[in-house]
């Protein structure tokens, strides 16, 4: 009998602290005296109302563990039944060992683990990997975890007005942890996935390794226009992949797209060919939560009765690098 993989559940851990867009702008002005910044610019340019902020003592592994514990409890999955744990966050507790080890230790797991990283598409790529492992019989249950503490990379201080546009994206990020469980199934769950890359565009958004360049801290640099341009040709490939997988965009009961800002969400919807009104908008109340964006939309849909067994779900990711991908599943 053929073995299929299915997404069993998705959860997020949302830190309690909120930072309003006005508080973010006020802090930037205080740290960058003499640098002009119009009031309301973050809301106008990005659609940000507030962002989530993790406690300073919590590391990415802590946020991932909070989400994973909730997922295991809500899905009725004993920790001993997890066969593989993946960590797909951009930010990590340390360079070595893999943060997946830290997450597993805090959860009390003794299964194999490894980190998987591809900017904001980490979780989507982890779904692709989990699907392959499960269908080939390597593992039966794969726990995908992720977390970001991106607010700690906020560029509060600039000395040159020309640096403001490059700094603004870092002020719109949010902190969060997430977990997704993929399990063996007798019915088709994950129906297919396709990924594409324009690696020539990697310089559009970077967070350097501080050790590689003898720095004390990496600095997030994003050229928004250059980043959008780095996706050249990918929208057509993504739409073609959906057709290749035998699905029409109108068939989806739920569509999830990466949401680094409200304007980019609209752009991504245009690329995919879906009306923005069909998307669960998560950015304004959380900020850009990077790898957690797709799990956040899944969890929001589950909690708001927008996602039911048998629903067809399309998950679309666009990440710096640049990469684009789609994962289609039957819930």
Protein backbone atom coordinates (compact mmCIF):
# COMPACT_ATOMS: atom_id res chain seq x y z
CA UNK A 1 0.00 0.00 0.00
CA UNK A 2 1.30 3.43 -0.94
CA UNK A 3 2.34 5.72 1.89
CA UNK A 4 1.33 9.37 1.69
CA UNK A 5 2.21 12.34 3.87
CA UNK A 6 -0.26 14.75 5.42
CA UNK A 7 -0.03 17.96 7.43
CA UNK A 8 -1.63 17.03 10.74
CA UNK A 9 -1.61 20.34 12.59
CA UNK A 10 0.00 23.79 12.76
CA UNK A 11 0.46 26.09 15.75
CA UNK A 12 2.25 29.32 16.59
CA UNK A 13 3.53 30.88 19.78
CA UNK A 14 2.80 34.61 19.77
CA UNK A 15 4.74 36.62 22.40
CA UNK A 16 2.50 38.72 24.61
CA UNK A 17 4.40 41.99 24.26
CA UNK A 18 3.32 44.33 21.47
CA UNK A 19 5.18 47.34 20.12
CA UNK A 20 2.99 49.89 18.36
CA UNK A 21 4.10 51.46 15.10
CA UNK A 22 4.27 54.87 16.80
CA UNK A 23 6.54 53.45 19.53
CA UNK A 24 8.84 51.98 16.87
CA UNK A 25 9.07 55.31 15.05
CA UNK A 26 9.64 57.26 18.28
CA UNK A 27 12.52 55.00 19.27
CA UNK A 28 14.10 55.35 15.82
CA UNK A 29 13.92 59.13 15.98
CA UNK A 30 15.43 59.19 19.46
CA UNK A 31 18.35 56.97 18.36
CA UNK A 32 18.87 58.81 15.04
CA UNK A 33 18.83 62.54 15.86
CA UNK A 34 18.76 64.79 12.84
CA UNK A 35 17.53 62.02 10.53
CA UNK A 36 14.12 62.91 9.03
CA UNK A 37 11.38 60.34 9.42
CA UNK A 38 7.77 61.26 8.76
CA UNK A 39 5.24 60.19 11.37
CA UNK A 40 3.20 57.22 10.19
CA UNK A 41 5.68 56.20 7.51
CA UNK A 42 5.80 52.54 8.60
CA UNK A 43 2.03 52.24 8.47
CA UNK A 44 1.85 54.08 5.16
CA UNK A 45 4.65 52.15 3.43
CA UNK A 46 4.24 48.71 5.01
CA UNK A 47 0.76 48.59 6.56
CA UNK A 48 2.17 47.97 10.04
CA UNK A 49 0.00 48.65 13.10
CA UNK A 50 1.99 46.77 15.74
CA UNK A 51 4.54 44.01 16.02
CA UNK A 52 5.15 41.15 18.44
CA UNK A 53 8.24 41.24 20.66
CA UNK A 54 9.70 38.26 22.52
CA UNK A 55 11.03 38.57 26.08
CA UNK A 56 14.74 39.48 26.01
CA UNK A 57 15.75 36.33 27.86
CA UNK A 58 14.09 33.98 25.36
CA UNK A 59 16.07 32.50 22.49
CA UNK A 60 14.70 31.20 19.16
CA UNK A 61 14.67 27.67 20.59
CA UNK A 62 12.39 28.81 23.43
CA UNK A 63 9.80 30.23 21.03
CA UNK A 64 9.98 27.09 18.88
CA UNK A 65 9.54 24.90 21.98
CA UNK A 66 6.48 26.85 23.14
CA UNK A 67 4.84 26.27 19.75
CA UNK A 68 5.89 22.62 19.55
CA UNK A 69 4.53 21.80 23.00
CA UNK A 70 1.18 23.33 22.07
CA UNK A 71 1.13 21.36 18.82
CA UNK A 72 1.90 18.03 20.46
CA UNK A 73 -0.80 18.62 23.08
CA UNK A 74 -3.43 19.85 20.63
CA UNK A 75 -2.81 17.03 18.16
CA UNK A 76 -2.61 14.36 20.85
CA UNK A 77 0.88 13.34 19.71
CA UNK A 78 3.21 11.86 22.37
CA UNK A 79 6.73 13.28 22.13
CA UNK A 80 8.12 9.76 21.82
CA UNK A 81 6.20 9.34 18.56
CA UNK A 82 8.20 12.08 16.78
CA UNK A 83 10.71 10.40 14.45
CA UNK A 84 12.52 13.51 13.16
CA UNK A 85 12.70 17.14 14.24
CA UNK A 86 13.61 19.94 11.83
CA UNK A 87 14.39 23.54 12.74
CA UNK A 88 13.79 25.94 9.84
CA UNK A 89 14.29 29.41 11.34
CA UNK A 90 16.55 32.10 9.93
CA UNK A 91 17.82 33.04 13.37
CA UNK A 92 19.41 30.45 15.63
CA UNK A 93 20.59 30.14 19.20
CA UNK A 94 24.18 29.61 18.07
CA UNK A 95 26.34 28.73 15.08
CA UNK A 96 27.08 25.25 16.43
CA UNK A 97 25.42 22.90 17.22
CA UNK A 98 22.21 22.92 15.20
CA UNK A 99 19.41 24.75 17.01
CA UNK A 100 17.28 21.66 16.35
CA UNK A 101 19.33 19.92 19.07
CA UNK A 102 18.48 22.65 21.56
CA UNK A 103 14.79 22.45 20.68
CA UNK A 104 14.79 18.65 20.95
CA UNK A 105 16.57 18.70 24.31
CA UNK A 106 14.06 21.16 25.75
CA UNK A 107 11.20 18.99 24.45
CA UNK A 108 12.78 15.80 25.77
CA UNK A 109 13.05 14.20 22.33
CA UNK A 110 15.69 11.62 21.42
CA UNK A 111 14.97 11.42 17.67
CA UNK A 112 17.31 12.55 14.86
CA UNK A 113 17.37 16.30 14.19
CA UNK A 114 18.85 18.87 11.83
CA UNK A 115 18.52 22.51 10.81
CA UNK A 116 17.19 23.50 7.40
CA UNK A 117 17.56 27.10 6.25
CA UNK A 118 16.39 29.04 3.20
CA UNK A 119 15.49 32.53 4.40
CA UNK A 120 11.71 33.01 4.73
CA UNK A 121 11.00 29.83 2.74
CA UNK A 122 12.54 27.58 5.40
CA UNK A 123 9.26 26.07 6.59
CA UNK A 124 7.99 25.48 3.05
CA UNK A 125 11.23 23.70 2.17
CA UNK A 126 10.94 21.70 5.39
CA UNK A 127 7.49 20.56 4.25
CA UNK A 128 9.04 19.42 0.97
CA UNK A 129 11.74 17.47 2.84
CA UNK A 130 9.28 15.98 5.35
CA UNK A 131 7.00 14.86 2.52
CA UNK A 132 9.88 13.06 0.81
CA UNK A 133 11.07 11.38 4.01
CA UNK A 134 7.59 10.16 4.93
CA UNK A 135 6.65 8.89 1.46
CA UNK A 136 9.91 6.91 1.19
CA UNK A 137 9.35 5.35 4.61
CA UNK A 138 12.38 6.94 6.27
CA UNK A 139 10.24 8.51 9.02
CA UNK A 140 6.54 8.41 9.94
CA UNK A 141 6.21 11.67 11.90
CA UNK A 142 8.26 14.80 11.23
CA UNK A 143 7.99 17.80 13.53
CA UNK A 144 8.91 21.07 11.80
CA UNK A 145 9.78 23.94 14.12
CA UNK A 146 10.81 27.51 13.51
CA UNK A 147 11.25 30.78 15.38
CA UNK A 148 12.42 34.31 14.81
CA UNK A 149 13.51 37.09 17.17
CA UNK A 150 13.94 39.53 14.30
CA UNK A 151 13.07 42.63 16.34
CA UNK A 152 16.56 42.31 17.84
CA UNK A 153 17.96 43.08 14.39
CA UNK A 154 16.12 46.42 14.21
CA UNK A 155 18.33 49.24 12.96
CA UNK A 156 17.48 51.95 15.44
CA UNK A 157 20.38 54.22 14.63
CA UNK A 158 21.49 55.58 11.25
CA UNK A 159 23.73 58.55 10.55
CA UNK A 160 22.99 59.14 6.88
CA UNK A 161 19.50 59.99 5.52
CA UNK A 162 20.28 57.74 2.54
CA UNK A 163 20.33 54.76 4.93
CA UNK A 164 16.73 55.23 6.10
CA UNK A 165 15.05 53.27 3.31
CA UNK A 166 17.39 50.36 3.89
CA UNK A 167 16.69 50.42 7.63
CA UNK A 168 12.89 50.62 7.52
CA UNK A 169 12.23 46.93 6.71
CA UNK A 170 14.10 45.92 9.87
CA UNK A 171 11.65 48.03 11.90
CA UNK A 172 8.66 46.09 10.56
CA UNK A 173 9.70 42.61 11.74
CA UNK A 174 8.03 40.58 14.48
CA UNK A 175 9.00 37.74 16.82
CA UNK A 176 7.23 34.37 16.86
CA UNK A 177 7.63 30.60 17.13
CA UNK A 178 5.81 27.97 15.08
CA UNK A 179 5.42 24.24 14.63
CA UNK A 180 3.94 22.02 11.91
CA UNK A 181 3.48 18.26 12.12
CA UNK A 182 3.70 16.03 9.04
CA UNK A 183 2.70 12.40 9.38
CA UNK A 184 2.29 9.26 7.30
CA UNK A 185 -1.23 8.86 5.96
CA UNK A 186 -3.30 6.37 4.01
CA UNK A 187 -4.73 9.22 1.93
CA UNK A 188 -2.88 11.85 -0.12
CA UNK A 189 -2.26 14.93 2.02
CA UNK A 190 0.70 16.84 0.61
CA UNK A 191 -0.10 16.64 -3.10
CA UNK A 192 3.06 18.22 -4.45
CA UNK A 193 5.60 21.03 -4.23
CA UNK A 194 7.82 22.99 -6.58
CA UNK A 195 10.65 25.43 -5.86
CA UNK A 196 12.64 27.87 -8.00
CA UNK A 197 15.66 30.10 -7.46
CA UNK A 198 17.27 33.23 -8.91
CA UNK A 199 20.46 33.03 -6.91
CA UNK A 200 21.96 35.99 -8.75
CA UNK A 201 19.68 38.15 -6.58
CA UNK A 202 21.12 37.12 -3.21
CA UNK A 203 22.56 40.56 -2.41
CA UNK A 204 19.15 42.27 -2.30
CA UNK A 205 18.51 41.27 1.34
CA UNK A 206 21.31 40.16 3.62
CA UNK A 207 22.03 39.53 7.29
CA UNK A 208 25.78 38.86 7.45
CA UNK A 209 27.32 36.27 9.73
CA UNK A 210 29.07 38.42 12.38
CA UNK A 211 31.97 35.98 12.70
CA UNK A 212 32.76 35.85 8.99
CA UNK A 213 33.62 39.54 8.81
CA UNK A 214 34.96 39.97 12.35
CA UNK A 215 31.93 42.01 13.38
CA UNK A 216 30.24 42.05 16.74
CA UNK A 217 26.79 41.88 15.17
CA UNK A 218 25.36 41.36 11.70
CA UNK A 219 23.28 44.20 10.25
CA UNK A 220 20.15 43.53 8.24
CA UNK A 221 20.34 45.24 4.85
CA UNK A 222 17.35 45.21 2.49
CA UNK A 223 16.99 46.94 -0.84
CA UNK A 224 13.24 46.50 -1.35
CA UNK A 225 13.16 47.45 -5.03
CA UNK A 226 16.13 45.20 -5.79
CA UNK A 227 14.51 42.38 -3.81
CA UNK A 228 11.27 42.56 -5.80
CA UNK A 229 13.30 42.63 -9.03
CA UNK A 230 15.15 39.48 -7.95
CA UNK A 231 11.94 37.48 -8.40
CA UNK A 232 12.01 38.13 -12.15
CA UNK A 233 10.38 35.26 -14.04
CA UNK A 234 9.35 33.36 -10.91
CA UNK A 235 5.62 34.24 -10.81
CA UNK A 236 5.06 32.56 -14.18
CA UNK A 237 7.00 29.50 -12.99
CA UNK A 238 4.93 29.28 -9.81
CA UNK A 239 1.64 29.57 -11.69
CA UNK A 240 2.89 26.97 -14.15
CA UNK A 241 3.78 24.66 -11.26
CA UNK A 242 0.25 24.90 -9.89
CA UNK A 243 -1.16 23.89 -13.27
CA UNK A 244 1.42 21.11 -13.55
CA UNK A 245 0.19 19.74 -10.24
CA UNK A 246 -3.31 19.60 -11.70
CA UNK A 247 -4.85 22.43 -9.69
CA UNK A 248 -6.46 25.76 -10.53
CA UNK A 249 -5.97 28.68 -8.14
CA UNK A 250 -9.75 29.02 -7.86
CA UNK A 251 -9.88 25.48 -6.48
CA UNK A 252 -8.10 26.43 -3.26
CA UNK A 253 -10.20 26.67 -0.10
CA UNK A 254 -7.31 28.46 1.62
CA UNK A 255 -4.42 30.37 0.09
CA UNK A 256 -1.40 31.34 2.21
CA UNK A 257 1.29 33.69 0.89
CA UNK A 258 4.40 35.11 2.48
CA UNK A 259 3.62 38.51 4.04
CA UNK A 260 6.66 40.79 4.62
CA UNK A 261 4.37 43.82 4.20
CA UNK A 262 0.84 44.64 3.09
CA UNK A 263 1.94 46.02 -0.32
CA UNK A 264 4.14 42.97 -0.98
CA UNK A 265 1.25 40.70 -0.03
CA UNK A 266 -0.84 42.35 -2.75
CA UNK A 267 2.03 41.95 -5.21
CA UNK A 268 2.44 38.28 -4.29
CA UNK A 269 -1.30 37.71 -4.72
CA UNK A 270 -1.01 39.18 -8.21
CA UNK A 271 1.91 36.89 -8.96
CA UNK A 272 -0.07 33.87 -7.79
CA UNK A 273 -3.27 34.99 -9.50
CA UNK A 274 -5.46 35.16 -6.39
CA UNK A 275 -7.64 38.02 -5.15
CA UNK A 276 -6.06 39.60 -2.01
CA UNK A 277 -9.45 39.43 -0.27
CA UNK A 278 -9.00 35.64 -0.04
CA UNK A 279 -5.85 35.96 2.06
CA UNK A 280 -5.85 35.98 5.86
CA UNK A 281 -3.95 39.21 6.52
CA UNK A 282 -1.47 38.64 9.36
CA UNK A 283 1.17 41.32 8.80
CA UNK A 284 -0.53 44.44 10.29
CA UNK A 285 -0.94 42.92 13.78
CA UNK A 286 2.31 40.94 13.92
CA UNK A 287 4.84 42.41 11.51
CA UNK A 288 7.02 40.36 9.20
CA UNK A 289 7.45 37.13 11.14
CA UNK A 290 9.53 35.59 8.33
CA UNK A 291 9.54 31.76 8.41
CA UNK A 292 6.52 31.77 10.73
CA UNK A 293 4.25 33.53 8.23
CA UNK A 294 2.77 30.43 6.57
CA UNK A 295 2.26 28.53 9.87
CA UNK A 296 0.64 31.67 11.32
CA UNK A 297 -1.89 31.74 8.49
CA UNK A 298 -2.61 28.02 8.90
CA UNK A 299 -3.06 28.38 12.67
CA UNK A 300 -5.22 31.49 12.23
CA UNK A 301 -7.41 29.65 9.73
CA UNK A 302 -7.82 26.69 12.10
CA UNK A 303 -8.68 28.93 15.05
CA UNK A 304 -11.19 30.97 13.04
CA UNK A 305 -12.96 27.97 11.48
CA UNK A 306 -11.58 28.81 8.04
CA UNK A 307 -9.80 25.48 7.57
CA UNK A 308 -11.50 22.08 7.66
CA UNK A 309 -10.62 18.46 6.88
CA UNK A 310 -10.61 17.89 3.14
CA UNK A 311 -9.91 21.54 2.26
CA UNK A 312 -7.42 22.21 -0.54
CA UNK A 313 -4.62 24.51 0.64
CA UNK A 314 -2.06 26.37 -1.46
CA UNK A 315 1.01 27.75 0.31
CA UNK A 316 3.18 30.20 -1.64
CA UNK A 317 6.56 31.49 -0.53
CA UNK A 318 8.80 34.25 -1.90
CA UNK A 319 12.09 34.68 -0.05
CA UNK A 320 15.37 36.52 -0.36
CA UNK A 321 18.03 34.67 -2.26
CA UNK A 322 15.85 34.75 -4.26
CA UNK A 323 13.61 31.71 -4.07
CA UNK A 324 9.97 30.97 -4.72
CA UNK A 325 7.94 27.90 -4.01
CA UNK A 326 4.51 26.36 -3.67
CA UNK A 327 3.28 23.49 -1.54
CA UNK A 328 -0.21 22.09 -2.15
CA UNK A 329 -1.97 19.89 0.34
CA UNK A 330 -5.34 18.39 1.13
CA UNK A 331 -6.01 19.12 4.82
